[in-house]
Amino acid sequence: MPFPCQEKSMGSKTHKAVKKVKKEDKKEKKEEKDEKKENKEEKEEKKEKSEDKEEKKDNEDKKRRWMKKHN
């Protein structure tokens, strides 16, 4: 039968190991969350760029049509 002080020190080591694993898991989750956020921002930027291109194209088309009508 182990001495009580040995059990306590083993428990402390186990507690530290669990704490370390939890800390690593938390760090991984944060990294995943940050990656998702970055991906979302990139998608939004691409969407805005495509919308800007479409708007610019529409404006050019309108301008051409107006020029054809008035010339």
Protein backbone atom coordinates (compact mmCIF):
# COMPACT_ATOMS: atom_id res chain seq x y z
CA MET A 1 0.00 0.00 0.00
CA PRO A 2 1.52 3.35 -1.06
CA PHE A 3 2.15 6.04 1.44
CA PRO A 4 -0.31 8.95 1.50
CA CYS A 5 2.35 11.44 0.49
CA GLN A 6 3.11 9.38 -2.65
CA GLU A 7 -0.57 9.35 -3.66
CA LYS A 8 -0.74 13.09 -3.17
CA SER A 9 2.31 13.77 -5.31
CA MET A 10 0.99 11.45 -8.02
CA GLY A 11 -2.33 13.27 -7.91
CA SER A 12 -0.52 16.54 -8.28
CA LYS A 13 1.34 15.25 -11.33
CA THR A 14 -1.89 13.97 -12.84
CA HIS A 15 -3.58 17.28 -12.14
CA LYS A 16 -0.73 19.14 -13.84
CA ALA A 17 -0.91 16.82 -16.86
CA VAL A 18 -4.66 17.30 -17.17
CA LYS A 19 -4.24 21.05 -16.82
CA LYS A 20 -1.58 21.03 -19.55
CA VAL A 21 -3.83 19.03 -21.91
CA LYS A 22 -6.75 21.37 -21.25
CA LYS A 23 -4.52 24.37 -21.95
CA GLU A 24 -3.37 22.81 -25.24
CA ASP A 25 -6.98 22.03 -26.22
CA LYS A 26 -8.00 25.60 -25.46
CA LYS A 27 -5.10 26.89 -27.56
CA GLU A 28 -6.07 24.60 -30.48
CA LYS A 29 -9.69 25.72 -30.30
CA LYS A 30 -8.60 29.36 -30.32
CA GLU A 31 -6.40 28.75 -33.36
CA GLU A 32 -9.29 27.01 -35.17
CA LYS A 33 -11.61 29.88 -34.28
CA ASP A 34 -9.06 32.41 -35.57
CA GLU A 35 -8.66 30.44 -38.82
CA LYS A 36 -12.43 30.35 -39.32
CA LYS A 37 -12.61 34.08 -38.69
CA GLU A 38 -9.82 34.75 -41.21
CA ASN A 39 -11.53 32.54 -43.80
CA LYS A 40 -14.81 34.34 -43.24
CA GLU A 41 -13.12 37.73 -43.66
CA GLU A 42 -11.42 36.56 -46.86
CA LYS A 43 -14.75 35.35 -48.26
CA GLU A 44 -16.36 38.68 -47.42
CA GLU A 45 -13.52 40.56 -49.12
CA LYS A 46 -13.86 38.41 -52.24
CA LYS A 47 -17.60 38.94 -52.23
CA GLU A 48 -17.18 42.71 -51.91
CA LYS A 49 -14.65 42.74 -54.75
CA SER A 50 -16.95 40.76 -57.02
CA GLU A 51 -19.87 43.05 -56.12
CA ASP A 52 -17.69 46.09 -56.88
CA LYS A 53 -16.72 44.59 -60.24
CA GLU A 54 -20.36 43.88 -61.08
CA GLU A 55 -21.39 47.39 -60.06
CA LYS A 56 -18.59 48.92 -62.13
CA LYS A 57 -19.58 46.80 -65.12
CA ASP A 58 -23.24 47.78 -64.75
CA ASN A 59 -22.30 51.46 -64.55
CA GLU A 60 -20.18 51.15 -67.70
CA ASP A 61 -23.05 49.41 -69.51
CA LYS A 62 -25.47 52.14 -68.47
CA LYS A 63 -23.03 54.79 -69.61
CA ARG A 64 -22.63 53.09 -73.01
CA ARG A 65 -26.39 52.78 -73.46
CA TRP A 66 -26.88 56.42 -72.54
CA MET A 67 -24.15 57.47 -74.98
CA LYS A 68 -25.75 55.44 -77.78
CA LYS A 69 -29.14 57.00 -77.15
CA HIS A 70 -27.85 60.56 -77.05
CA ASN A 71 -25.42 60.42 -79.96
